[in-house]
Amino acid sequence: MAIAYILFSDKTKKFYVGSSRENSVSERLNRHNKGFVRSTKSGRPWQVVSEEILDTYTEARKRELFLKTGVGRKKIKEKFGHYKN
């Protein structure tokens, strides 16, 4: 099992999309919030907005890559745009 997830930072008002081979987002969130991930270090603390459990890491990675496209970002904004207010 693997996951694709979306985090949000109140500090920067930005979303972060990621994926992991682990089947729980809590360990990844912990690493992001402790500053171990360079790309999310400045936005700490992060909160989980969405988590999708997928069968394989390949599927999770494909979902992550889709969410990082223009269409994917638009869907995130439509569904979770209220976080930015």
PDB file of N, CA and C in Angstrom:
ATOM      1  N   MET A   1       0.842  -1.178   0.000  1.00  0.00           N
ATOM      2  CA  MET A   1       0.000   0.000   0.000  1.00  0.00           C
ATOM      3  C   MET A   1       0.890   1.246   0.000  1.00  0.00           C
ATOM      4  N   ALA A   2       0.348   2.322  -0.525  1.00  0.00           N
ATOM      5  CA  ALA A   2       1.077   3.585  -0.604  1.00  0.00           C
ATOM      6  C   ALA A   2       0.060   4.724  -0.511  1.00  0.00           C
ATOM      7  N   ILE A   3       0.554   5.957  -0.356  1.00  0.00           N
ATOM      8  CA  ILE A   3      -0.349   7.095  -0.225  1.00  0.00           C
ATOM      9  C   ILE A   3       0.088   8.261  -1.113  1.00  0.00           C
ATOM     10  N   ALA A   4      -0.895   9.047  -1.490  1.00  0.00           N
ATOM     11  CA  ALA A   4      -0.672  10.367  -2.080  1.00  0.00           C
ATOM     12  C   ALA A   4      -1.365  11.314  -1.109  1.00  0.00           C
ATOM     13  N   TYR A   5      -0.750  12.456  -0.839  1.00  0.00           N
ATOM     14  CA  TYR A   5      -1.320  13.336   0.172  1.00  0.00           C
ATOM     15  C   TYR A   5      -1.145  14.803  -0.192  1.00  0.00           C
ATOM     16  N   ILE A   6      -1.986  15.625   0.422  1.00  0.00           N
ATOM     17  CA  ILE A   6      -1.922  17.072   0.248  1.00  0.00           C
ATOM     18  C   ILE A   6      -1.813  17.691   1.626  1.00  0.00           C
ATOM     19  N   LEU A   7      -0.817  18.562   1.782  1.00  0.00           N
ATOM     20  CA  LEU A   7      -0.619  19.292   3.027  1.00  0.00           C
ATOM     21  C   LEU A   7      -0.895  20.770   2.781  1.00  0.00           C
ATOM     22  N   PHE A   8      -1.195  21.494   3.862  1.00  0.00           N
ATOM     23  CA  PHE A   8      -1.402  22.940   3.758  1.00  0.00           C
ATOM     24  C   PHE A   8      -0.653  23.633   4.881  1.00  0.00           C
ATOM     25  N   SER A   9      -0.042  24.768   4.545  1.00  0.00           N
ATOM     26  CA  SER A   9       0.679  25.576   5.526  1.00  0.00           C
ATOM     27  C   SER A   9      -0.071  26.880   5.743  1.00  0.00           C
ATOM     28  N   ASP A  10      -0.501  27.138   6.978  1.00  0.00           N
ATOM     29  CA  ASP A  10      -1.122  28.420   7.311  1.00  0.00           C
ATOM     30  C   ASP A  10      -0.103  29.549   7.202  1.00  0.00           C
ATOM     31  N   LYS A  11       1.144  29.232   7.452  1.00  0.00           N
ATOM     32  CA  LYS A  11       2.208  30.239   7.425  1.00  0.00           C
ATOM     33  C   LYS A  11       2.415  30.806   6.018  1.00  0.00           C
ATOM     34  N   THR A  12       2.513  29.935   5.025  1.00  0.00           N
ATOM     35  CA  THR A  12       2.765  30.384   3.647  1.00  0.00           C
ATOM     36  C   THR A  12       1.505  30.421   2.789  1.00  0.00           C
ATOM     37  N   LYS A  13       0.416  29.852   3.306  1.00  0.00           N
ATOM     38  CA  LYS A  13      -0.856  29.752   2.562  1.00  0.00           C
ATOM     39  C   LYS A  13      -0.683  28.963   1.263  1.00  0.00           C
ATOM     40  N   LYS A  14       0.141  27.919   1.324  1.00  0.00           N
ATOM     41  CA  LYS A  14       0.400  27.092   0.150  1.00  0.00           C
ATOM     42  C   LYS A  14       0.094  25.631   0.440  1.00  0.00           C
ATOM     43  N   PHE A  15      -0.212  24.910  -0.650  1.00  0.00           N
ATOM     44  CA  PHE A  15      -0.414  23.472  -0.574  1.00  0.00           C
ATOM     45  C   PHE A  15       0.865  22.768  -0.991  1.00  0.00           C
ATOM     46  N   TYR A  16       1.056  21.556  -0.478  1.00  0.00           N
ATOM     47  CA  TYR A  16       2.169  20.709  -0.879  1.00  0.00           C
ATOM     48  C   TYR A  16       1.589  19.337  -1.199  1.00  0.00           C
ATOM     49  N   VAL A  17       1.977  18.779  -2.327  1.00  0.00           N
ATOM     50  CA  VAL A  17       1.508  17.458  -2.745  1.00  0.00           C
ATOM     51  C   VAL A  17       2.688  16.498  -2.685  1.00  0.00           C
ATOM     52  N   GLY A  18       2.459  15.330  -2.096  1.00  0.00           N
ATOM     53  CA  GLY A  18       3.525  14.334  -2.002  1.00  0.00           C
ATOM     54  C   GLY A  18       2.969  12.923  -2.075  1.00  0.00           C
ATOM     55  N   SER A  19       3.876  11.961  -2.077  1.00  0.00           N
ATOM     56  CA  SER A  19       3.493  10.553  -2.055  1.00  0.00           C
ATOM     57  C   SER A  19       4.506   9.796  -1.209  1.00  0.00           C
ATOM     58  N   SER A  20       4.103   8.611  -0.771  1.00  0.00           N
ATOM     59  CA  SER A  20       4.980   7.822   0.094  1.00  0.00           C
ATOM     60  C   SER A  20       4.667   6.344  -0.056  1.00  0.00           C
ATOM     61  N   ARG A  21       5.661   5.529   0.192  1.00  0.00           N
ATOM     62  CA  ARG A  21       5.467   4.079   0.181  1.00  0.00           C
ATOM     63  C   ARG A  21       4.747   3.610   1.444  1.00  0.00           C
ATOM     64  N   GLU A  22       4.747   4.436   2.455  1.00  0.00           N
ATOM     65  CA  GLU A  22       4.067   4.096   3.716  1.00  0.00           C
ATOM     66  C   GLU A  22       2.565   4.227   3.521  1.00  0.00           C
ATOM     67  N   ASN A  23       1.775   3.507   4.318  1.00  0.00           N
ATOM     68  CA  ASN A  23       0.326   3.578   4.150  1.00  0.00           C
ATOM     69  C   ASN A  23      -0.334   4.523   5.154  1.00  0.00           C
ATOM     70  N   SER A  24       0.454   5.359   5.809  1.00  0.00           N
ATOM     71  CA  SER A  24      -0.085   6.341   6.735  1.00  0.00           C
ATOM     72  C   SER A  24       0.638   7.664   6.529  1.00  0.00           C
ATOM     73  N   VAL A  25      -0.115   8.735   6.506  1.00  0.00           N
ATOM     74  CA  VAL A  25       0.479  10.046   6.270  1.00  0.00           C
ATOM     75  C   VAL A  25       1.134  10.608   7.538  1.00  0.00           C
ATOM     76  N   SER A  26       0.834  10.046   8.692  1.00  0.00           N
ATOM     77  CA  SER A  26       1.341  10.613   9.950  1.00  0.00           C
ATOM     78  C   SER A  26       2.870  10.642  10.017  1.00  0.00           C
ATOM     79  N   GLU A  27       3.546   9.611   9.533  1.00  0.00           N
ATOM     80  CA  GLU A  27       5.017   9.594   9.560  1.00  0.00           C
ATOM     81  C   GLU A  27       5.591  10.641   8.612  1.00  0.00           C
ATOM     82  N   ARG A  28       4.998  10.767   7.435  1.00  0.00           N
ATOM     83  CA  ARG A  28       5.462  11.789   6.486  1.00  0.00           C
ATOM     84  C   ARG A  28       5.214  13.189   7.039  1.00  0.00           C
ATOM     85  N   LEU A  29       4.051  13.411   7.631  1.00  0.00           N
ATOM     86  CA  LEU A  29       3.735  14.719   8.217  1.00  0.00           C
ATOM     87  C   LEU A  29       4.755  15.053   9.304  1.00  0.00           C
ATOM     88  N   ASN A  30       5.098  14.074  10.101  1.00  0.00           N
ATOM     89  CA  ASN A  30       6.098  14.261  11.151  1.00  0.00           C
ATOM     90  C   ASN A  30       7.435  14.711  10.564  1.00  0.00           C
ATOM     91  N   ARG A  31       7.882  14.078   9.480  1.00  0.00           N
ATOM     92  CA  ARG A  31       9.148  14.450   8.837  1.00  0.00           C
ATOM     93  C   ARG A  31       9.076  15.858   8.242  1.00  0.00           C
ATOM     94  N   HIS A  32       7.933  16.207   7.640  1.00  0.00           N
ATOM     95  CA  HIS A  32       7.773  17.558   7.086  1.00  0.00           C
ATOM     96  C   HIS A  32       7.827  18.595   8.209  1.00  0.00           C
ATOM     97  N   ASN A  33       7.135  18.328   9.289  1.00  0.00           N
ATOM     98  CA  ASN A  33       7.057  19.302  10.384  1.00  0.00           C
ATOM     99  C   ASN A  33       8.333  19.395  11.213  1.00  0.00           C
ATOM    100  N   LYS A  34       9.181  18.385  11.157  1.00  0.00           N
ATOM    101  CA  LYS A  34      10.469  18.451  11.860  1.00  0.00           C
ATOM    102  C   LYS A  34      11.545  19.116  11.013  1.00  0.00           C
ATOM    103  N   GLY A  35      11.228  19.436   9.758  1.00  0.00           N
ATOM    104  CA  GLY A  35      12.173  20.135   8.903  1.00  0.00           C
ATOM    105  C   GLY A  35      13.121  19.243   8.133  1.00  0.00           C
ATOM    106  N   PHE A  36      12.816  17.960   8.021  1.00  0.00           N
ATOM    107  CA  PHE A  36      13.688  17.033   7.300  1.00  0.00           C
ATOM    108  C   PHE A  36      13.518  17.110   5.783  1.00  0.00           C
ATOM    109  N   VAL A  37      12.445  17.773   5.325  1.00  0.00           N
ATOM    110  CA  VAL A  37      12.181  17.890   3.890  1.00  0.00           C
ATOM    111  C   VAL A  37      12.470  19.324   3.475  1.00  0.00           C
ATOM    112  N   ARG A  38      13.480  19.498   2.657  1.00  0.00           N
ATOM    113  CA  ARG A  38      13.943  20.841   2.299  1.00  0.00           C
ATOM    114  C   ARG A  38      12.840  21.703   1.685  1.00  0.00           C
ATOM    115  N   SER A  39      12.034  21.123   0.806  1.00  0.00           N
ATOM    116  CA  SER A  39      11.029  21.917   0.099  1.00  0.00           C
ATOM    117  C   SER A  39       9.866  22.375   0.981  1.00  0.00           C
ATOM    118  N   THR A  40       9.711  21.779   2.158  1.00  0.00           N
ATOM    119  CA  THR A  40       8.607  22.180   3.036  1.00  0.00           C
ATOM    120  C   THR A  40       9.080  22.803   4.341  1.00  0.00           C
ATOM    121  N   LYS A  41      10.362  22.925   4.501  1.00  0.00           N
ATOM    122  CA  LYS A  41      10.933  23.404   5.760  1.00  0.00           C
ATOM    123  C   LYS A  41      10.417  24.795   6.148  1.00  0.00           C
ATOM    124  N   SER A  42      10.298  25.694   5.185  1.00  0.00           N
ATOM    125  CA  SER A  42       9.913  27.065   5.502  1.00  0.00           C
ATOM    126  C   SER A  42       8.426  27.218   5.797  1.00  0.00           C
ATOM    127  N   GLY A  43       7.618  26.219   5.509  1.00  0.00           N
ATOM    128  CA  GLY A  43       6.176  26.332   5.717  1.00  0.00           C
ATOM    129  C   GLY A  43       5.661  25.702   6.992  1.00  0.00           C
ATOM    130  N   ARG A  44       6.556  25.253   7.846  1.00  0.00           N
ATOM    131  CA  ARG A  44       6.131  24.555   9.053  1.00  0.00           C
ATOM    132  C   ARG A  44       5.310  25.449   9.961  1.00  0.00           C
ATOM    133  N   PRO A  45       4.306  24.944  10.629  1.00  0.00           N
ATOM    134  CA  PRO A  45       3.799  23.557  10.634  1.00  0.00           C
ATOM    135  C   PRO A  45       2.812  23.313   9.493  1.00  0.00           C
ATOM    136  N   TRP A  46       2.799  22.092   9.019  1.00  0.00           N
ATOM    137  CA  TRP A  46       1.891  21.658   7.957  1.00  0.00           C
ATOM    138  C   TRP A  46       0.744  20.891   8.567  1.00  0.00           C
ATOM    139  N   GLN A  47      -0.379  20.888   7.875  1.00  0.00           N
ATOM    140  CA  GLN A  47      -1.524  20.080   8.296  1.00  0.00           C
ATOM    141  C   GLN A  47      -1.999  19.247   7.113  1.00  0.00           C
ATOM    142  N   VAL A  48      -2.527  18.071   7.389  1.00  0.00           N
ATOM    143  CA  VAL A  48      -3.010  17.182   6.338  1.00  0.00           C
ATOM    144  C   VAL A  48      -4.370  17.671   5.868  1.00  0.00           C
ATOM    145  N   VAL A  49      -4.490  17.844   4.558  1.00  0.00           N
ATOM    146  CA  VAL A  49      -5.746  18.265   3.946  1.00  0.00           C
ATOM    147  C   VAL A  49      -6.443  17.064   3.327  1.00  0.00           C
ATOM    148  N   SER A  50      -5.658  16.194   2.696  1.00  0.00           N
ATOM    149  CA  SER A  50      -6.219  15.031   2.014  1.00  0.00           C
ATOM    150  C   SER A  50      -5.191  13.903   1.990  1.00  0.00           C
ATOM    151  N   GLU A  51      -5.701  12.699   2.038  1.00  0.00           N
ATOM    152  CA  GLU A  51      -4.854  11.505   1.974  1.00  0.00           C
ATOM    153  C   GLU A  51      -5.577  10.460   1.154  1.00  0.00           C
ATOM    154  N   GLU A  52      -4.908   9.912   0.147  1.00  0.00           N
ATOM    155  CA  GLU A  52      -5.478   8.865  -0.685  1.00  0.00           C
ATOM    156  C   GLU A  52      -4.619   7.615  -0.547  1.00  0.00           C
ATOM    157  N   ILE A  53      -5.241   6.516  -0.168  1.00  0.00           N
ATOM    158  CA  ILE A  53      -4.530   5.244  -0.052  1.00  0.00           C
ATOM    159  C   ILE A  53      -4.666   4.503  -1.378  1.00  0.00           C
ATOM    160  N   LEU A  54      -3.522   4.112  -1.930  1.00  0.00           N
ATOM    161  CA  LEU A  54      -3.493   3.433  -3.229  1.00  0.00           C
ATOM    162  C   LEU A  54      -2.785   2.086  -3.085  1.00  0.00           C
ATOM    163  N   ASP A  55      -3.003   1.218  -4.056  1.00  0.00           N
ATOM    164  CA  ASP A  55      -2.454  -0.145  -3.975  1.00  0.00           C
ATOM    165  C   ASP A  55      -0.938  -0.200  -4.099  1.00  0.00           C
ATOM    166  N   THR A  56      -0.371   0.614  -4.990  1.00  0.00           N
ATOM    167  CA  THR A  56       1.072   0.555  -5.214  1.00  0.00           C
ATOM    168  C   THR A  56       1.680   1.952  -5.153  1.00  0.00           C
ATOM    169  N   TYR A  57       2.975   1.990  -4.948  1.00  0.00           N
ATOM    170  CA  TYR A  57       3.673   3.271  -4.939  1.00  0.00           C
ATOM    171  C   TYR A  57       3.636   3.914  -6.327  1.00  0.00           C
ATOM    172  N   THR A  58       3.656   3.101  -7.366  1.00  0.00           N
ATOM    173  CA  THR A  58       3.572   3.634  -8.729  1.00  0.00           C
ATOM    174  C   THR A  58       2.272   4.411  -8.917  1.00  0.00           C
ATOM    175  N   GLU A  59       1.160   3.877  -8.413  1.00  0.00           N
ATOM    176  CA  GLU A  59      -0.122   4.578  -8.505  1.00  0.00           C
ATOM    177  C   GLU A  59      -0.093   5.863  -7.687  1.00  0.00           C
ATOM    178  N   ALA A  60       0.496   5.805  -6.506  1.00  0.00           N
ATOM    179  CA  ALA A  60       0.589   6.996  -5.649  1.00  0.00           C
ATOM    180  C   ALA A  60       1.428   8.076  -6.316  1.00  0.00           C
ATOM    181  N   ARG A  61       2.517   7.684  -6.931  1.00  0.00           N
ATOM    182  CA  ARG A  61       3.393   8.643  -7.608  1.00  0.00           C
ATOM    183  C   ARG A  61       2.681   9.271  -8.813  1.00  0.00           C
ATOM    184  N   LYS A  62       1.938   8.454  -9.569  1.00  0.00           N
ATOM    185  CA  LYS A  62       1.173   8.983 -10.702  1.00  0.00           C
ATOM    186  C   LYS A  62       0.131   9.984 -10.218  1.00  0.00           C
ATOM    187  N   ARG A  63      -0.514   9.682  -9.099  1.00  0.00           N
ATOM    188  CA  ARG A  63      -1.516  10.600  -8.545  1.00  0.00           C
ATOM    189  C   ARG A  63      -0.850  11.899  -8.103  1.00  0.00           C
ATOM    190  N   GLU A  64       0.309  11.795  -7.459  1.00  0.00           N
ATOM    191  CA  GLU A  64       1.055  12.980  -7.050  1.00  0.00           C
ATOM    192  C   GLU A  64       1.402  13.842  -8.264  1.00  0.00           C
ATOM    193  N   LEU A  65       1.913  13.220  -9.301  1.00  0.00           N
ATOM    194  CA  LEU A  65       2.297  13.958 -10.500  1.00  0.00           C
ATOM    195  C   LEU A  65       1.093  14.618 -11.168  1.00  0.00           C
ATOM    196  N   PHE A  66      -0.061  13.930 -11.168  1.00  0.00           N
ATOM    197  CA  PHE A  66      -1.268  14.545 -11.713  1.00  0.00           C
ATOM    198  C   PHE A  66      -1.663  15.773 -10.900  1.00  0.00           C
ATOM    199  N   LEU A  67      -1.643  15.654  -9.576  1.00  0.00           N
ATOM    200  CA  LEU A  67      -2.046  16.773  -8.719  1.00  0.00           C
ATOM    201  C   LEU A  67      -1.114  17.971  -8.850  1.00  0.00           C
ATOM    202  N   LYS A  68       0.085  17.756  -9.352  1.00  0.00           N
ATOM    203  CA  LYS A  68       1.039  18.846  -9.549  1.00  0.00           C
ATOM    204  C   LYS A  68       0.901  19.495 -10.932  1.00  0.00           C
ATOM    205  N   THR A  69       0.008  18.967 -11.781  1.00  0.00           N
ATOM    206  CA  THR A  69      -0.234  19.584 -13.086  1.00  0.00           C
ATOM    207  C   THR A  69      -1.183  20.765 -12.922  1.00  0.00           C
ATOM    208  N   GLY A  70      -1.370  21.523 -13.972  1.00  0.00           N
ATOM    209  CA  GLY A  70      -2.304  22.647 -13.932  1.00  0.00           C
ATOM    210  C   GLY A  70      -3.721  22.209 -13.595  1.00  0.00           C
ATOM    211  N   VAL A  71      -4.178  21.112 -14.192  1.00  0.00           N
ATOM    212  CA  VAL A  71      -5.522  20.599 -13.936  1.00  0.00           C
ATOM    213  C   VAL A  71      -5.628  20.120 -12.489  1.00  0.00           C
ATOM    214  N   GLY A  72      -4.588  19.428 -12.015  1.00  0.00           N
ATOM    215  CA  GLY A  72      -4.588  18.949 -10.634  1.00  0.00           C
ATOM    216  C   GLY A  72      -4.610  20.081  -9.634  1.00  0.00           C
ATOM    217  N   ARG A  73      -3.817  21.111  -9.872  1.00  0.00           N
ATOM    218  CA  ARG A  73      -3.799  22.267  -8.976  1.00  0.00           C
ATOM    219  C   ARG A  73      -5.144  22.977  -8.956  1.00  0.00           C
ATOM    220  N   LYS A  74      -5.786  23.016 -10.120  1.00  0.00           N
ATOM    221  CA  LYS A  74      -7.108  23.641 -10.197  1.00  0.00           C
ATOM    222  C   LYS A  74      -8.110  22.862  -9.349  1.00  0.00           C
ATOM    223  N   LYS A  75      -8.055  21.523  -9.411  1.00  0.00           N
ATOM    224  CA  LYS A  75      -8.952  20.691  -8.614  1.00  0.00           C
ATOM    225  C   LYS A  75      -8.695  20.889  -7.117  1.00  0.00           C
ATOM    226  N   ILE A  76      -7.428  21.002  -6.731  1.00  0.00           N
ATOM    227  CA  ILE A  76      -7.086  21.248  -5.322  1.00  0.00           C
ATOM    228  C   ILE A  76      -7.660  22.584  -4.880  1.00  0.00           C
ATOM    229  N   LYS A  77      -7.488  23.597  -5.712  1.00  0.00           N
ATOM    230  CA  LYS A  77      -7.991  24.930  -5.386  1.00  0.00           C
ATOM    231  C   LYS A  77      -9.515  24.933  -5.247  1.00  0.00           C
ATOM    232  N   GLU A  78     -10.207  24.220  -6.155  1.00  0.00           N
ATOM    233  CA  GLU A  78     -11.664  24.142  -6.095  1.00  0.00           C
ATOM    234  C   GLU A  78     -12.143  23.426  -4.831  1.00  0.00           C
ATOM    235  N   LYS A  79     -11.470  22.338  -4.493  1.00  0.00           N
ATOM    236  CA  LYS A  79     -11.905  21.521  -3.367  1.00  0.00           C
ATOM    237  C   LYS A  79     -11.449  22.052  -2.017  1.00  0.00           C
ATOM    238  N   PHE A  80     -10.235  22.621  -1.964  1.00  0.00           N
ATOM    239  CA  PHE A  80      -9.660  23.026  -0.680  1.00  0.00           C
ATOM    240  C   PHE A  80      -9.316  24.500  -0.596  1.00  0.00           C
ATOM    241  N   GLY A  81      -9.805  25.301  -1.523  1.00  0.00           N
ATOM    242  CA  GLY A  81      -9.503  26.727  -1.549  1.00  0.00           C
ATOM    243  C   GLY A  81      -9.899  27.461  -0.291  1.00  0.00           C
ATOM    244  N   HIS A  82     -10.872  26.935   0.449  1.00  0.00           N
ATOM    245  CA  HIS A  82     -11.314  27.574   1.693  1.00  0.00           C
ATOM    246  C   HIS A  82     -10.212  27.606   2.766  1.00  0.00           C
ATOM    247  N   TYR A  83      -9.185  26.783   2.619  1.00  0.00           N
ATOM    248  CA  TYR A  83      -8.071  26.785   3.577  1.00  0.00           C
ATOM    249  C   TYR A  83      -7.296  28.090   3.510  1.00  0.00           C
ATOM    250  N   LYS A  84      -7.273  28.723   2.352  1.00  0.00           N
ATOM    251  CA  LYS A  84      -6.478  29.938   2.173  1.00  0.00           C
ATOM    252  C   LYS A  84      -7.109  31.168   2.803  1.00  0.00           C
ATOM    253  N   ASN A  85      -8.355  31.080   3.191  1.00  0.00           N
ATOM    254  CA  ASN A  85      -9.039  32.241   3.780  1.00  0.00           C
ATOM    255  C   ASN A  85      -8.736  32.427   5.242  1.00  0.00           C
TER     256      ASN A  85
END
